Amino acid sequence: MRAMERALIQKILADAHGIERGDDGAFNLEGEHRASLYLGGEGGTTIVNDLVTITLHDDYIAAEAKNRTMHCLLYGPVIGLAVKRPRAEGPRTGF
């Protein structure tokens, strides 16, 4: 599977609903929006999720999770990106 390049990740983040670009160049997810980065390599994949801030540097991505964990990732393993919107308001089923 091909890796996502910086320009594509930047375009997706710039066009996504619920993401603001800060003066420092960081993409900040608003309210309850959360992002996930999908990483893949030979024989394995993983997800870095619950992200609230993503900053695209020349050589790497700095991604801060809601729990304040800072993940620093190379572009090469990134194979996907998802932005989760907040739950729609309305009645919820269950107990």
PDB file of N, CA and C in Angstrom:
ATOM      1  N   MET A   1       0.844  -1.170   0.000  1.00  0.00           N
ATOM      2  CA  MET A   1       0.000   0.000   0.000  1.00  0.00           C
ATOM      3  C   MET A   1       0.896   1.243   0.000  1.00  0.00           C
ATOM      4  N   ARG A   2       0.509   2.228  -0.767  1.00  0.00           N
ATOM      5  CA  ARG A   2       1.305   3.456  -0.883  1.00  0.00           C
ATOM      6  C   ARG A   2       1.103   4.382   0.303  1.00  0.00           C
ATOM      7  N   ALA A   3       2.148   5.053   0.723  1.00  0.00           N
ATOM      8  CA  ALA A   3       2.067   6.027   1.813  1.00  0.00           C
ATOM      9  C   ALA A   3       1.425   7.314   1.325  1.00  0.00           C
ATOM     10  N   MET A   4       0.788   8.032   2.245  1.00  0.00           N
ATOM     11  CA  MET A   4       0.221   9.343   1.936  1.00  0.00           C
ATOM     12  C   MET A   4       1.346  10.376   2.013  1.00  0.00           C
ATOM     13  N   GLU A   5       1.356  11.290   1.091  1.00  0.00           N
ATOM     14  CA  GLU A   5       2.360  12.340   1.095  1.00  0.00           C
ATOM     15  C   GLU A   5       1.846  13.545   1.876  1.00  0.00           C
ATOM     16  N   ARG A   6       2.775  14.385   2.310  1.00  0.00           N
ATOM     17  CA  ARG A   6       2.424  15.556   3.122  1.00  0.00           C
ATOM     18  C   ARG A   6       1.371  16.432   2.445  1.00  0.00           C
ATOM     19  N   ALA A   7       1.528  16.692   1.162  1.00  0.00           N
ATOM     20  CA  ALA A   7       0.591  17.573   0.455  1.00  0.00           C
ATOM     21  C   ALA A   7      -0.836  17.026   0.502  1.00  0.00           C
ATOM     22  N   LEU A   8      -0.993  15.713   0.378  1.00  0.00           N
ATOM     23  CA  LEU A   8      -2.322  15.107   0.419  1.00  0.00           C
ATOM     24  C   LEU A   8      -2.907  15.190   1.827  1.00  0.00           C
ATOM     25  N   ILE A   9      -2.107  14.892   2.843  1.00  0.00           N
ATOM     26  CA  ILE A   9      -2.585  14.993   4.229  1.00  0.00           C
ATOM     27  C   ILE A   9      -2.996  16.429   4.531  1.00  0.00           C
ATOM     28  N   GLN A  10      -2.198  17.393   4.088  1.00  0.00           N
ATOM     29  CA  GLN A  10      -2.509  18.796   4.320  1.00  0.00           C
ATOM     30  C   GLN A  10      -3.821  19.196   3.643  1.00  0.00           C
ATOM     31  N   LYS A  11      -4.043  18.737   2.430  1.00  0.00           N
ATOM     32  CA  LYS A  11      -5.281  19.055   1.717  1.00  0.00           C
ATOM     33  C   LYS A  11      -6.487  18.453   2.430  1.00  0.00           C
ATOM     34  N   ILE A  12      -6.380  17.203   2.860  1.00  0.00           N
ATOM     35  CA  ILE A  12      -7.486  16.555   3.560  1.00  0.00           C
ATOM     36  C   ILE A  12      -7.821  17.313   4.841  1.00  0.00           C
ATOM     37  N   LEU A  13      -6.806  17.649   5.624  1.00  0.00           N
ATOM     38  CA  LEU A  13      -7.042  18.369   6.873  1.00  0.00           C
ATOM     39  C   LEU A  13      -7.624  19.760   6.626  1.00  0.00           C
ATOM     40  N   ALA A  14      -7.145  20.443   5.604  1.00  0.00           N
ATOM     41  CA  ALA A  14      -7.639  21.793   5.289  1.00  0.00           C
ATOM     42  C   ALA A  14      -9.093  21.767   4.830  1.00  0.00           C
ATOM     43  N   ASP A  15      -9.506  20.693   4.165  1.00  0.00           N
ATOM     44  CA  ASP A  15     -10.861  20.597   3.623  1.00  0.00           C
ATOM     45  C   ASP A  15     -11.864  19.954   4.584  1.00  0.00           C
ATOM     46  N   ALA A  16     -11.376  19.333   5.639  1.00  0.00           N
ATOM     47  CA  ALA A  16     -12.265  18.585   6.540  1.00  0.00           C
ATOM     48  C   ALA A  16     -13.083  19.520   7.427  1.00  0.00           C
ATOM     49  N   HIS A  17     -14.312  19.110   7.688  1.00  0.00           N
ATOM     50  CA  HIS A  17     -15.217  19.838   8.570  1.00  0.00           C
ATOM     51  C   HIS A  17     -14.749  19.686  10.021  1.00  0.00           C
ATOM     52  N   GLY A  18     -14.749  20.775  10.774  1.00  0.00           N
ATOM     53  CA  GLY A  18     -14.416  20.702  12.188  1.00  0.00           C
ATOM     54  C   GLY A  18     -12.944  20.817  12.507  1.00  0.00           C
ATOM     55  N   ILE A  19     -12.145  21.277  11.533  1.00  0.00           N
ATOM     56  CA  ILE A  19     -10.717  21.451  11.774  1.00  0.00           C
ATOM     57  C   ILE A  19     -10.340  22.885  11.421  1.00  0.00           C
ATOM     58  N   GLU A  20      -9.676  23.551  12.347  1.00  0.00           N
ATOM     59  CA  GLU A  20      -9.188  24.912  12.150  1.00  0.00           C
ATOM     60  C   GLU A  20      -7.672  24.892  12.052  1.00  0.00           C
ATOM     61  N   ARG A  21      -7.135  25.704  11.175  1.00  0.00           N
ATOM     62  CA  ARG A  21      -5.667  25.814  11.090  1.00  0.00           C
ATOM     63  C   ARG A  21      -5.234  26.995  11.934  1.00  0.00           C
ATOM     64  N   GLY A  22      -4.379  26.735  12.905  1.00  0.00           N
ATOM     65  CA  GLY A  22      -3.891  27.774  13.805  1.00  0.00           C
ATOM     66  C   GLY A  22      -2.817  28.627  13.172  1.00  0.00           C
ATOM     67  N   ASP A  23      -2.489  29.730  13.840  1.00  0.00           N
ATOM     68  CA  ASP A  23      -1.435  30.632  13.363  1.00  0.00           C
ATOM     69  C   ASP A  23      -0.083  29.936  13.312  1.00  0.00           C
ATOM     70  N   ASP A  24       0.097  28.902  14.147  1.00  0.00           N
ATOM     71  CA  ASP A  24       1.361  28.167  14.188  1.00  0.00           C
ATOM     72  C   ASP A  24       1.429  27.057  13.142  1.00  0.00           C
ATOM     73  N   GLY A  25       0.377  26.934  12.307  1.00  0.00           N
ATOM     74  CA  GLY A  25       0.348  25.922  11.262  1.00  0.00           C
ATOM     75  C   GLY A  25      -0.259  24.602  11.691  1.00  0.00           C
ATOM     76  N   ALA A  26      -0.568  24.469  12.972  1.00  0.00           N
ATOM     77  CA  ALA A  26      -1.165  23.229  13.474  1.00  0.00           C
ATOM     78  C   ALA A  26      -2.634  23.145  13.055  1.00  0.00           C
ATOM     79  N   PHE A  27      -3.096  21.939  12.794  1.00  0.00           N
ATOM     80  CA  PHE A  27      -4.504  21.690  12.517  1.00  0.00           C
ATOM     81  C   PHE A  27      -5.138  21.260  13.829  1.00  0.00           C
ATOM     82  N   ASN A  28      -6.083  22.064  14.327  1.00  0.00           N
ATOM     83  CA  ASN A  28      -6.731  21.826  15.608  1.00  0.00           C
ATOM     84  C   ASN A  28      -8.158  21.346  15.387  1.00  0.00           C
ATOM     85  N   LEU A  29      -8.490  20.208  15.971  1.00  0.00           N
ATOM     86  CA  LEU A  29      -9.831  19.669  15.833  1.00  0.00           C
ATOM     87  C   LEU A  29     -10.742  20.348  16.849  1.00  0.00           C
ATOM     88  N   GLU A  30     -11.891  20.800  16.385  1.00  0.00           N
ATOM     89  CA  GLU A  30     -12.801  21.572  17.216  1.00  0.00           C
ATOM     90  C   GLU A  30     -13.721  20.667  18.025  1.00  0.00           C
ATOM     91  N   GLY A  31     -14.116  21.141  19.199  1.00  0.00           N
ATOM     92  CA  GLY A  31     -15.108  20.445  20.006  1.00  0.00           C
ATOM     93  C   GLY A  31     -14.778  18.989  20.224  1.00  0.00           C
ATOM     94  N   GLU A  32     -15.724  18.138  19.851  1.00  0.00           N
ATOM     95  CA  GLU A  32     -15.556  16.695  20.039  1.00  0.00           C
ATOM     96  C   GLU A  32     -15.052  15.979  18.781  1.00  0.00           C
ATOM     97  N   HIS A  33     -14.631  16.731  17.771  1.00  0.00           N
ATOM     98  CA  HIS A  33     -14.033  16.097  16.595  1.00  0.00           C
ATOM     99  C   HIS A  33     -12.718  15.433  17.002  1.00  0.00           C
ATOM    100  N   ARG A  34     -12.430  14.291  16.403  1.00  0.00           N
ATOM    101  CA  ARG A  34     -11.184  13.566  16.670  1.00  0.00           C
ATOM    102  C   ARG A  34     -10.658  13.001  15.359  1.00  0.00           C
ATOM    103  N   ALA A  35      -9.337  12.875  15.253  1.00  0.00           N
ATOM    104  CA  ALA A  35      -8.725  12.316  14.054  1.00  0.00           C
ATOM    105  C   ALA A  35      -7.985  11.034  14.402  1.00  0.00           C
ATOM    106  N   SER A  36      -7.804  10.209  13.382  1.00  0.00           N
ATOM    107  CA  SER A  36      -7.012   8.986  13.497  1.00  0.00           C
ATOM    108  C   SER A  36      -6.072   8.912  12.303  1.00  0.00           C
ATOM    109  N   LEU A  37      -4.848   8.474  12.546  1.00  0.00           N
ATOM    110  CA  LEU A  37      -3.888   8.206  11.483  1.00  0.00           C
ATOM    111  C   LEU A  37      -3.689   6.703  11.414  1.00  0.00           C
ATOM    112  N   TYR A  38      -3.780   6.155  10.220  1.00  0.00           N
ATOM    113  CA  TYR A  38      -3.604   4.721   9.994  1.00  0.00           C
ATOM    114  C   TYR A  38      -2.194   4.507   9.461  1.00  0.00           C
ATOM    115  N   LEU A  39      -1.436   3.660  10.147  1.00  0.00           N
ATOM    116  CA  LEU A  39      -0.049   3.406   9.791  1.00  0.00           C
ATOM    117  C   LEU A  39       0.101   1.969   9.325  1.00  0.00           C
ATOM    118  N   GLY A  40       0.869   1.783   8.269  1.00  0.00           N
ATOM    119  CA  GLY A  40       1.072   0.433   7.758  1.00  0.00           C
ATOM    120  C   GLY A  40       2.502   0.218   7.324  1.00  0.00           C
ATOM    121  N   GLY A  41       2.881  -1.028   7.366  1.00  0.00           N
ATOM    122  CA  GLY A  41       4.213  -1.417   6.944  1.00  0.00           C
ATOM    123  C   GLY A  41       4.179  -2.877   6.564  1.00  0.00           C
ATOM    124  N   GLU A  42       5.326  -3.434   6.381  1.00  0.00           N
ATOM    125  CA  GLU A  42       5.391  -4.843   6.020  1.00  0.00           C
ATOM    126  C   GLU A  42       4.870  -5.701   7.169  1.00  0.00           C
ATOM    127  N   GLY A  43       3.757  -6.340   6.939  1.00  0.00           N
ATOM    128  CA  GLY A  43       3.231  -7.292   7.893  1.00  0.00           C
ATOM    129  C   GLY A  43       2.404  -6.737   9.023  1.00  0.00           C
ATOM    130  N   GLY A  44       2.220  -5.440   9.132  1.00  0.00           N
ATOM    131  CA  GLY A  44       1.443  -4.941  10.252  1.00  0.00           C
ATOM    132  C   GLY A  44       0.872  -3.562  10.022  1.00  0.00           C
ATOM    133  N   THR A  45      -0.197  -3.287  10.739  1.00  0.00           N
ATOM    134  CA  THR A  45      -0.808  -1.964  10.704  1.00  0.00           C
ATOM    135  C   THR A  45      -1.183  -1.572  12.130  1.00  0.00           C
ATOM    136  N   THR A  46      -1.333  -0.277  12.340  1.00  0.00           N
ATOM    137  CA  THR A  46      -1.780   0.223  13.638  1.00  0.00           C
ATOM    138  C   THR A  46      -2.503   1.545  13.425  1.00  0.00           C
ATOM    139  N   ILE A  47      -3.236   1.968  14.437  1.00  0.00           N
ATOM    140  CA  ILE A  47      -3.980   3.217  14.383  1.00  0.00           C
ATOM    141  C   ILE A  47      -3.522   4.099  15.542  1.00  0.00           C
ATOM    142  N   VAL A  48      -3.259   5.358  15.240  1.00  0.00           N
ATOM    143  CA  VAL A  48      -3.007   6.359  16.265  1.00  0.00           C
ATOM    144  C   VAL A  48      -4.267   7.211  16.278  1.00  0.00           C
ATOM    145  N   ASN A  49      -5.053   7.102  17.355  1.00  0.00           N
ATOM    146  CA  ASN A  49      -6.363   7.757  17.327  1.00  0.00           C
ATOM    147  C   ASN A  49      -6.570   8.723  18.480  1.00  0.00           C
ATOM    148  N   ASP A  50      -7.739   9.310  18.500  1.00  0.00           N
ATOM    149  CA  ASP A  50      -8.160  10.286  19.504  1.00  0.00           C
ATOM    150  C   ASP A  50      -7.307  11.551  19.435  1.00  0.00           C
ATOM    151  N   LEU A  51      -6.906  11.931  18.211  1.00  0.00           N
ATOM    152  CA  LEU A  51      -6.024  13.077  18.011  1.00  0.00           C
ATOM    153  C   LEU A  51      -6.812  14.381  17.997  1.00  0.00           C
ATOM    154  N   VAL A  52      -6.251  15.402  18.649  1.00  0.00           N
ATOM    155  CA  VAL A  52      -6.898  16.712  18.706  1.00  0.00           C
ATOM    156  C   VAL A  52      -6.088  17.799  17.994  1.00  0.00           C
ATOM    157  N   THR A  53      -4.801  17.567  17.773  1.00  0.00           N
ATOM    158  CA  THR A  53      -3.948  18.518  17.066  1.00  0.00           C
ATOM    159  C   THR A  53      -2.977  17.744  16.184  1.00  0.00           C
ATOM    160  N   ILE A  54      -2.849  18.182  14.931  1.00  0.00           N
ATOM    161  CA  ILE A  54      -1.904  17.573  14.004  1.00  0.00           C
ATOM    162  C   ILE A  54      -1.083  18.687  13.374  1.00  0.00           C
ATOM    163  N   THR A  55       0.243  18.575  13.496  1.00  0.00           N
ATOM    164  CA  THR A  55       1.149  19.560  12.912  1.00  0.00           C
ATOM    165  C   THR A  55       2.037  18.852  11.899  1.00  0.00           C
ATOM    166  N   LEU A  56       2.057  19.367  10.676  1.00  0.00           N
ATOM    167  CA  LEU A  56       2.851  18.776   9.601  1.00  0.00           C
ATOM    168  C   LEU A  56       4.179  19.516   9.492  1.00  0.00           C
ATOM    169  N   HIS A  57       5.240  18.852   9.862  1.00  0.00           N
ATOM    170  CA  HIS A  57       6.591  19.402   9.751  1.00  0.00           C
ATOM    171  C   HIS A  57       7.205  18.894   8.448  1.00  0.00           C
ATOM    172  N   ASP A  58       8.370  19.403   8.096  1.00  0.00           N
ATOM    173  CA  ASP A  58       9.020  18.981   6.853  1.00  0.00           C
ATOM    174  C   ASP A  58       9.274  17.475   6.823  1.00  0.00           C
ATOM    175  N   ASP A  59       9.776  16.922   7.919  1.00  0.00           N
ATOM    176  CA  ASP A  59      10.196  15.519   7.924  1.00  0.00           C
ATOM    177  C   ASP A  59       9.292  14.580   8.698  1.00  0.00           C
ATOM    178  N   TYR A  60       8.358  15.121   9.482  1.00  0.00           N
ATOM    179  CA  TYR A  60       7.528  14.268  10.324  1.00  0.00           C
ATOM    180  C   TYR A  60       6.208  14.950  10.677  1.00  0.00           C
ATOM    181  N   ILE A  61       5.326  14.178  11.271  1.00  0.00           N
ATOM    182  CA  ILE A  61       4.032  14.651  11.755  1.00  0.00           C
ATOM    183  C   ILE A  61       4.079  14.610  13.277  1.00  0.00           C
ATOM    184  N   ALA A  62       3.668  15.700  13.926  1.00  0.00           N
ATOM    185  CA  ALA A  62       3.486  15.718  15.375  1.00  0.00           C
ATOM    186  C   ALA A  62       1.979  15.698  15.615  1.00  0.00           C
ATOM    187  N   ALA A  63       1.503  14.698  16.323  1.00  0.00           N
ATOM    188  CA  ALA A  63       0.068  14.536  16.543  1.00  0.00           C
ATOM    189  C   ALA A  63      -0.191  14.383  18.035  1.00  0.00           C
ATOM    190  N   GLU A  64      -0.986  15.292  18.592  1.00  0.00           N
ATOM    191  CA  GLU A  64      -1.286  15.248  20.023  1.00  0.00           C
ATOM    192  C   GLU A  64      -2.655  14.625  20.249  1.00  0.00           C
ATOM    193  N   ALA A  65      -2.696  13.653  21.128  1.00  0.00           N
ATOM    194  CA  ALA A  65      -3.944  12.975  21.476  1.00  0.00           C
ATOM    195  C   ALA A  65      -4.671  13.751  22.573  1.00  0.00           C
ATOM    196  N   LYS A  66      -5.940  13.410  22.753  1.00  0.00           N
ATOM    197  CA  LYS A  66      -6.770  14.057  23.770  1.00  0.00           C
ATOM    198  C   LYS A  66      -6.142  13.919  25.158  1.00  0.00           C
ATOM    199  N   ASN A  67      -5.478  12.794  25.426  1.00  0.00           N
ATOM    200  CA  ASN A  67      -4.863  12.577  26.742  1.00  0.00           C
ATOM    201  C   ASN A  67      -3.494  13.260  26.861  1.00  0.00           C
ATOM    202  N   ARG A  68      -3.157  14.119  25.899  1.00  0.00           N
ATOM    203  CA  ARG A  68      -1.944  14.929  25.854  1.00  0.00           C
ATOM    204  C   ARG A  68      -0.699  14.156  25.443  1.00  0.00           C
ATOM    205  N   THR A  69      -0.852  12.918  24.990  1.00  0.00           N
ATOM    206  CA  THR A  69       0.284  12.158  24.453  1.00  0.00           C
ATOM    207  C   THR A  69       0.678  12.755  23.110  1.00  0.00           C
ATOM    208  N   MET A  70       1.963  13.023  22.925  1.00  0.00           N
ATOM    209  CA  MET A  70       2.461  13.553  21.662  1.00  0.00           C
ATOM    210  C   MET A  70       3.087  12.417  20.865  1.00  0.00           C
ATOM    211  N   HIS A  71       2.552  12.168  19.672  1.00  0.00           N
ATOM    212  CA  HIS A  71       3.080  11.144  18.770  1.00  0.00           C
ATOM    213  C   HIS A  71       3.843  11.859  17.661  1.00  0.00           C
ATOM    214  N   CYS A  72       5.058  11.420  17.386  1.00  0.00           N
ATOM    215  CA  CYS A  72       5.856  11.951  16.280  1.00  0.00           C
ATOM    216  C   CYS A  72       6.053  10.820  15.280  1.00  0.00           C
ATOM    217  N   LEU A  73       5.571  11.029  14.063  1.00  0.00           N
ATOM    218  CA  LEU A  73       5.503   9.966  13.064  1.00  0.00           C
ATOM    219  C   LEU A  73       6.139  10.407  11.756  1.00  0.00           C
ATOM    220  N   LEU A  74       6.824   9.499  11.095  1.00  0.00           N
ATOM    221  CA  LEU A  74       7.313   9.755   9.748  1.00  0.00           C
ATOM    222  C   LEU A  74       6.144   9.688   8.773  1.00  0.00           C
ATOM    223  N   TYR A  75       6.239  10.362   7.650  1.00  0.00           N
ATOM    224  CA  TYR A  75       5.171  10.330   6.652  1.00  0.00           C
ATOM    225  C   TYR A  75       5.040   8.955   5.996  1.00  0.00           C
ATOM    226  N   GLY A  76       6.164   8.252   5.815  1.00  0.00           N
ATOM    227  CA  GLY A  76       6.168   6.993   5.087  1.00  0.00           C
ATOM    228  C   GLY A  76       5.140   5.968   5.518  1.00  0.00           C
ATOM    229  N   PRO A  77       4.973   5.708   6.816  1.00  0.00           N
ATOM    230  CA  PRO A  77       4.013   4.681   7.241  1.00  0.00           C
ATOM    231  C   PRO A  77       2.542   5.114   7.182  1.00  0.00           C
ATOM    232  N   VAL A  78       2.255   6.411   6.985  1.00  0.00           N
ATOM    233  CA  VAL A  78       0.859   6.875   7.010  1.00  0.00           C
ATOM    234  C   VAL A  78       0.155   6.442   5.734  1.00  0.00           C
ATOM    235  N   ILE A  79      -0.874   5.606   5.904  1.00  0.00           N
ATOM    236  CA  ILE A  79      -1.614   5.097   4.751  1.00  0.00           C
ATOM    237  C   ILE A  79      -3.069   5.556   4.751  1.00  0.00           C
ATOM    238  N   GLY A  80      -3.490   6.242   5.811  1.00  0.00           N
ATOM    239  CA  GLY A  80      -4.873   6.703   5.864  1.00  0.00           C
ATOM    240  C   GLY A  80      -5.073   7.721   6.965  1.00  0.00           C
ATOM    241  N   LEU A  81      -6.179   8.459   6.852  1.00  0.00           N
ATOM    242  CA  LEU A  81      -6.535   9.501   7.809  1.00  0.00           C
ATOM    243  C   LEU A  81      -8.051   9.517   7.925  1.00  0.00           C
ATOM    244  N   ALA A  82      -8.547   9.594   9.144  1.00  0.00           N
ATOM    245  CA  ALA A  82      -9.992   9.686   9.363  1.00  0.00           C
ATOM    246  C   ALA A  82     -10.278  10.821  10.329  1.00  0.00           C
ATOM    247  N   VAL A  83     -11.392  11.519  10.119  1.00  0.00           N
ATOM    248  CA  VAL A  83     -11.854  12.551  11.042  1.00  0.00           C
ATOM    249  C   VAL A  83     -13.239  12.145  11.516  1.00  0.00           C
ATOM    250  N   LYS A  84     -13.341  11.935  12.815  1.00  0.00           N
ATOM    251  CA  LYS A  84     -14.607  11.529  13.420  1.00  0.00           C
ATOM    252  C   LYS A  84     -15.341  12.771  13.909  1.00  0.00           C
ATOM    253  N   ARG A  85     -16.578  12.917  13.449  1.00  0.00           N
ATOM    254  CA  ARG A  85     -17.416  14.025  13.892  1.00  0.00           C
ATOM    255  C   ARG A  85     -18.117  13.646  15.188  1.00  0.00           C
ATOM    256  N   PRO A  86     -18.584  14.646  15.944  1.00  0.00           N
ATOM    257  CA  PRO A  86     -19.327  14.344  17.167  1.00  0.00           C
ATOM    258  C   PRO A  86     -20.621  13.595  16.852  1.00  0.00           C
ATOM    259  N   ARG A  87     -21.115  12.878  17.839  1.00  0.00           N
ATOM    260  CA  ARG A  87     -22.406  12.196  17.667  1.00  0.00           C
ATOM    261  C   ARG A  87     -23.488  13.216  17.413  1.00  0.00           C
ATOM    262  N   ALA A  88     -24.421  12.853  16.568  1.00  0.00           N
ATOM    263  CA  ALA A  88     -25.567  13.724  16.307  1.00  0.00           C
ATOM    264  C   ALA A  88     -26.440  13.776  17.554  1.00  0.00           C
ATOM    265  N   GLU A  89     -26.971  14.945  17.842  1.00  0.00           N
ATOM    266  CA  GLU A  89     -27.874  15.081  18.985  1.00  0.00           C
ATOM    267  C   GLU A  89     -29.194  14.397  18.665  1.00  0.00           C
ATOM    268  N   GLY A  90     -29.838  13.915  19.677  1.00  0.00           N
ATOM    269  CA  GLY A  90     -31.114  13.244  19.485  1.00  0.00           C
ATOM    270  C   GLY A  90     -31.263  12.115  20.483  1.00  0.00           C
ATOM    271  N   PRO A  91     -32.376  11.436  20.413  1.00  0.00           N
ATOM    272  CA  PRO A  91     -32.598  10.355  21.379  1.00  0.00           C
ATOM    273  C   PRO A  91     -31.609   9.226  21.169  1.00  0.00           C
ATOM    274  N   ARG A  92     -31.172   8.644  22.269  1.00  0.00           N
ATOM    275  CA  ARG A  92     -30.246   7.516  22.221  1.00  0.00           C
ATOM    276  C   ARG A  92     -30.963   6.288  22.767  1.00  0.00           C
ATOM    277  N   THR A  93     -30.704   5.182  22.136  1.00  0.00           N
ATOM    278  CA  THR A  93     -31.304   3.942  22.600  1.00  0.00           C
ATOM    279  C   THR A  93     -30.381   3.278  23.600  1.00  0.00           C
ATOM    280  N   GLY A  94     -30.914   2.392  24.374  1.00  0.00           N
ATOM    281  CA  GLY A  94     -30.096   1.672  25.335  1.00  0.00           C
ATOM    282  C   GLY A  94     -30.508   1.974  26.749  1.00  0.00           C
ATOM    283  N   PHE A  95     -29.770   1.436  27.654  1.00  0.00           N
ATOM    284  CA  PHE A  95     -30.111   1.574  29.078  1.00  0.00           C
ATOM    285  C   PHE A  95     -29.075   2.390  29.794  1.00  0.00           C
TER     286      PHE A  95
END
